């Protein structure tokens, strides 16, 4: 049995445009192209698409997914590995949900000031977060800069990586507080946070105004990036994007 590209798009939620892109880059070719010029997919292609989507959910970029699929020979063994990783991700999300729940409980004790110092163990704010897993999307959009990022990451110890992750998450929490209080993105305090974010990126690569704005837009458009921000506060990705755009216009143009 074969399904048209429209059928596959409807069943999977992947747009026809994306499916054509997957074909163009050699990631997922259709089983055949009909006399009408339409792409048709059979069971093998649907199973491959499922694997692609699973690997995307696990944070892999398209190049990494292609490499994984090229290496695998046993489909059942591959699915078992995907299943194991999904269970591990579910466990991480459970920890993350508990982290956010504790933070809400702590903040509700002081709704007026949102004084983060009232949290008895600040390190608990960061349990379950894994901001590093979202680098794949950035590497696809800026491959040269992604290589610089990988080289920089390779110089970090586990302790340094953990520290940077805590600092990044703490910055996201501070931005969420600004957003919750209705602070304009052009406010000096908000822009100081964005400046720290920019300077942190410059350790790996130096974006110009257009690239910094594009990175901010990626935080909104990319499902994985947006989820990372919105795990802290709904709408935070858009607030971060707008703050970065204001910074780029004022400081980088």
Protein backbone atom coordinates (compact mmCIF):
# COMPACT_ATOMS: atom_id res chain seq x y z
CA UNK A 1 0.00 0.00 0.00
CA UNK A 2 1.20 3.50 -0.80
CA UNK A 3 0.28 6.92 0.56
CA UNK A 4 0.58 10.25 -1.18
CA UNK A 5 2.67 13.05 0.26
CA UNK A 6 -0.57 14.75 1.31
CA UNK A 7 -1.64 11.60 3.17
CA UNK A 8 1.72 11.36 4.96
CA UNK A 9 1.60 15.04 5.88
CA UNK A 10 -1.88 14.59 7.34
CA UNK A 11 -0.97 11.45 9.29
CA UNK A 12 2.37 12.66 10.66
CA UNK A 13 1.84 16.38 11.08
CA UNK A 14 4.97 17.00 8.98
CA UNK A 15 4.29 19.49 6.23
CA UNK A 16 4.59 18.55 2.57
CA UNK A 17 7.28 21.20 2.23
CA UNK A 18 9.34 19.53 4.98
CA UNK A 19 8.87 16.10 3.39
CA UNK A 20 10.13 17.48 0.08
CA UNK A 21 13.09 18.99 1.91
CA UNK A 22 13.87 15.62 3.51
CA UNK A 23 13.88 14.14 0.01
CA UNK A 24 16.15 16.88 -1.33
CA UNK A 25 18.79 16.31 1.36
CA UNK A 26 18.63 12.53 1.03
CA UNK A 27 17.09 11.91 4.42
CA UNK A 28 13.75 10.46 3.31
CA UNK A 29 13.09 9.64 -0.30
CA UNK A 30 9.61 8.55 -1.42
CA UNK A 31 9.09 4.96 -2.50
CA UNK A 32 8.33 6.22 -6.00
CA UNK A 33 7.04 9.18 -7.95
CA UNK A 34 3.78 8.62 -9.82
CA UNK A 35 3.03 9.51 -13.41
CA UNK A 36 1.30 12.60 -12.06
CA UNK A 37 4.61 13.76 -10.54
CA UNK A 38 3.42 13.21 -6.96
CA UNK A 39 5.53 11.52 -4.31
CA UNK A 40 4.24 8.27 -2.81
CA UNK A 41 5.41 6.57 0.38
CA UNK A 42 5.14 2.94 1.49
CA UNK A 43 5.47 1.29 4.90
CA UNK A 44 9.29 1.39 4.93
CA UNK A 45 9.27 5.14 4.38
CA UNK A 46 6.67 5.68 7.10
CA UNK A 47 8.80 3.71 9.55
CA UNK A 48 11.86 5.77 8.59
CA UNK A 49 9.86 8.97 9.08
CA UNK A 50 8.85 7.77 12.53
CA UNK A 51 12.52 7.29 13.39
CA UNK A 52 13.37 10.76 12.09
CA UNK A 53 10.67 12.31 14.25
CA UNK A 54 11.77 10.31 17.29
CA UNK A 55 15.35 11.50 16.86
CA UNK A 56 14.15 15.08 16.41
CA UNK A 57 12.24 14.76 19.68
CA UNK A 58 15.46 13.61 21.32
CA UNK A 59 17.22 16.79 20.19
CA UNK A 60 19.26 15.58 17.21
CA UNK A 61 19.82 17.75 14.16
CA UNK A 62 19.16 16.58 10.62
CA UNK A 63 22.82 15.84 9.90
CA UNK A 64 23.12 13.78 13.06
CA UNK A 65 19.90 11.93 12.24
CA UNK A 66 21.19 11.08 8.77
CA UNK A 67 24.38 9.69 10.31
CA UNK A 68 22.42 7.61 12.83
CA UNK A 69 20.12 6.17 10.18
CA UNK A 70 23.06 5.39 7.90
CA UNK A 71 24.81 3.39 10.65
CA UNK A 72 21.84 1.37 11.86
CA UNK A 73 21.11 -2.01 10.35
CA UNK A 74 18.66 -3.59 12.82
CA UNK A 75 15.41 -1.63 12.87
CA UNK A 76 14.03 -3.35 15.97
CA UNK A 77 17.27 -2.74 17.88
CA UNK A 78 17.20 0.89 16.78
CA UNK A 79 13.62 1.30 18.01
CA UNK A 80 14.56 -0.27 21.34
CA UNK A 81 17.31 2.30 21.71
CA UNK A 82 14.91 5.12 20.83
CA UNK A 83 12.45 3.73 23.37
CA UNK A 84 15.14 3.68 26.06
CA UNK A 85 16.05 7.28 25.33
CA UNK A 86 12.40 8.35 25.38
CA UNK A 87 11.97 6.75 28.80
CA UNK A 88 15.06 8.61 30.00
CA UNK A 89 13.63 11.84 28.60
CA UNK A 90 10.32 11.18 30.37
CA UNK A 91 12.22 10.78 33.61
CA UNK A 92 14.04 14.08 32.98
CA UNK A 93 10.74 15.84 32.30
CA UNK A 94 9.30 14.44 35.53
CA UNK A 95 12.25 15.95 37.41
CA UNK A 96 11.77 19.21 35.52
CA UNK A 97 8.06 19.31 36.39
CA UNK A 98 8.93 18.82 40.05
CA UNK A 99 11.51 21.62 39.79
CA UNK A 100 8.99 24.05 38.35
CA UNK A 101 6.43 22.98 40.95
CA UNK A 102 8.85 23.74 43.79
CA UNK A 103 9.65 27.13 42.24
CA UNK A 104 5.95 28.02 41.96
CA UNK A 105 5.39 27.05 45.57
CA UNK A 106 8.33 29.17 46.70
CA UNK A 107 7.28 32.20 44.65
CA UNK A 108 3.70 32.00 45.87
CA UNK A 109 5.00 32.68 49.37
CA UNK A 110 5.86 36.18 48.24
CA UNK A 111 3.70 37.16 45.26
CA UNK A 112 4.44 40.85 45.66
CA UNK A 113 8.24 40.78 45.43
CA UNK A 114 9.00 37.40 43.84
CA UNK A 115 12.09 37.36 46.03
CA UNK A 116 14.15 34.44 44.73
CA UNK A 117 16.32 34.55 47.86
CA UNK A 118 13.42 32.94 49.75
CA UNK A 119 14.17 29.66 47.99
CA UNK A 120 16.12 27.63 50.51
CA UNK A 121 18.22 25.74 47.96
CA UNK A 122 18.73 27.82 44.76
CA UNK A 123 20.42 24.89 43.04
CA UNK A 124 17.03 23.16 43.02
CA UNK A 125 15.92 25.66 40.39
CA UNK A 126 18.04 23.92 37.81
CA UNK A 127 17.26 20.22 38.26
CA UNK A 128 16.07 18.64 35.03
CA UNK A 129 17.13 21.42 32.68
CA UNK A 130 19.33 20.49 29.74
CA UNK A 131 19.89 23.58 27.61
CA UNK A 132 22.83 21.96 25.81
CA UNK A 133 20.51 19.57 23.98
CA UNK A 134 19.11 22.47 21.94
CA UNK A 135 22.42 23.25 20.21
CA UNK A 136 21.55 21.00 17.25
CA UNK A 137 19.09 23.48 15.74
CA UNK A 138 21.61 26.31 15.97
CA UNK A 139 24.31 24.16 14.37
CA UNK A 140 22.03 23.51 11.39
CA UNK A 141 21.31 27.20 10.84
CA UNK A 142 24.88 28.41 11.43
CA UNK A 143 27.17 25.44 10.65
CA UNK A 144 30.45 27.39 10.82
CA UNK A 145 29.57 28.97 14.12
CA UNK A 146 28.28 25.60 15.32
CA UNK A 147 31.73 24.13 14.70
CA UNK A 148 33.29 26.91 16.78
CA UNK A 149 30.72 26.17 19.48
CA UNK A 150 31.63 22.48 19.48
CA UNK A 151 35.33 23.30 19.72
CA UNK A 152 34.67 25.62 22.66
CA UNK A 153 32.47 23.01 24.36
CA UNK A 154 35.25 20.49 23.97
CA UNK A 155 37.51 22.60 26.16
CA UNK A 156 35.05 22.65 29.08
CA UNK A 157 35.20 20.35 32.06
CA UNK A 158 32.03 18.71 33.36
CA UNK A 159 32.10 21.17 36.25
CA UNK A 160 32.34 24.14 33.89
CA UNK A 161 29.52 22.81 31.73
CA UNK A 162 27.31 22.37 34.78
CA UNK A 163 28.13 25.91 35.93
CA UNK A 164 27.32 27.39 32.54
CA UNK A 165 24.04 25.48 32.45
CA UNK A 166 23.09 26.80 35.89
CA UNK A 167 23.99 30.35 34.87
CA UNK A 168 21.98 30.09 31.64
CA UNK A 169 18.94 28.78 33.46
CA UNK A 170 19.26 31.45 36.15
CA UNK A 171 19.31 34.09 33.41
CA UNK A 172 16.14 32.58 31.91
CA UNK A 173 14.46 32.78 35.34
CA UNK A 174 15.45 36.45 35.69
CA UNK A 175 14.08 37.23 32.23
CA UNK A 176 10.87 35.42 33.14
CA UNK A 177 10.51 37.68 36.18
CA UNK A 178 10.94 40.77 34.00
CA UNK A 179 8.31 39.44 31.58
CA UNK A 180 5.90 38.60 34.40
CA UNK A 181 6.20 42.10 35.85
CA UNK A 182 5.56 43.73 32.46
CA UNK A 183 9.02 45.28 32.22
CA UNK A 184 9.63 46.67 28.70
CA UNK A 185 12.31 44.83 26.75
CA UNK A 186 14.16 48.14 26.32
CA UNK A 187 14.49 48.58 30.09
CA UNK A 188 18.19 48.90 31.08
CA UNK A 189 17.96 45.95 33.47
CA UNK A 190 16.54 43.71 30.72
CA UNK A 191 19.13 44.93 28.25
CA UNK A 192 21.88 44.18 30.79
CA UNK A 193 20.70 40.56 30.83
CA UNK A 194 20.72 40.46 27.03
CA UNK A 195 24.21 41.97 27.00
CA UNK A 196 25.40 39.16 29.28
CA UNK A 197 23.72 36.66 26.94
CA UNK A 198 25.45 38.21 23.92
CA UNK A 199 28.84 38.25 25.60
CA UNK A 200 28.39 34.61 26.53
CA UNK A 201 27.71 33.73 22.90
CA UNK A 202 30.80 35.68 21.86
CA UNK A 203 32.96 33.14 23.68
CA UNK A 204 31.97 30.78 20.86
CA UNK A 205 31.17 33.05 17.89
CA UNK A 206 30.40 36.73 17.34
CA UNK A 207 26.96 37.36 15.77
CA UNK A 208 26.25 40.64 14.03
CA UNK A 209 22.92 42.42 14.41
CA UNK A 210 21.15 40.30 11.80
CA UNK A 211 22.50 37.02 13.17
CA UNK A 212 21.64 37.94 16.76
CA UNK A 213 18.08 38.81 15.72
CA UNK A 214 17.86 35.57 13.76
CA UNK A 215 19.02 33.63 16.79
CA UNK A 216 16.31 35.28 18.88
CA UNK A 217 13.71 34.37 16.25
CA UNK A 218 14.98 30.78 16.34
CA UNK A 219 14.13 30.65 20.04
CA UNK A 220 10.49 31.20 19.00
CA UNK A 221 10.31 29.27 15.73
CA UNK A 222 12.20 26.14 16.72
CA UNK A 223 10.06 23.76 18.77
CA UNK A 224 12.95 22.60 20.96
CA UNK A 225 14.27 26.07 21.73
CA UNK A 226 10.78 27.43 22.43
CA UNK A 227 10.07 24.50 24.76
CA UNK A 228 13.29 25.17 26.67
CA UNK A 229 12.24 28.77 27.32
CA UNK A 230 8.58 28.05 27.89
CA UNK A 231 9.48 25.39 30.45
CA UNK A 232 10.53 28.36 32.57
CA UNK A 233 7.57 30.61 31.67
CA UNK A 234 5.02 30.57 28.87
CA UNK A 235 5.83 33.34 26.40
CA UNK A 236 9.43 33.70 27.56
CA UNK A 237 10.84 32.78 24.15
CA UNK A 238 9.00 35.68 22.48
CA UNK A 239 10.06 38.08 25.25
CA UNK A 240 13.69 36.98 24.85
CA UNK A 241 13.45 37.43 21.07
CA UNK A 242 12.06 40.94 21.39
CA UNK A 243 14.72 41.89 23.94
CA UNK A 244 17.47 40.55 21.67
CA UNK A 245 16.07 42.49 18.69
CA UNK A 246 16.06 45.69 20.74
CA UNK A 247 19.66 45.01 21.79
CA UNK A 248 20.73 44.33 18.20
CA UNK A 249 19.15 47.58 16.98
CA UNK A 250 20.73 49.64 19.76
CA UNK A 251 24.14 48.01 20.15
CA UNK A 252 25.01 45.98 17.07
CA UNK A 253 23.65 47.97 14.11
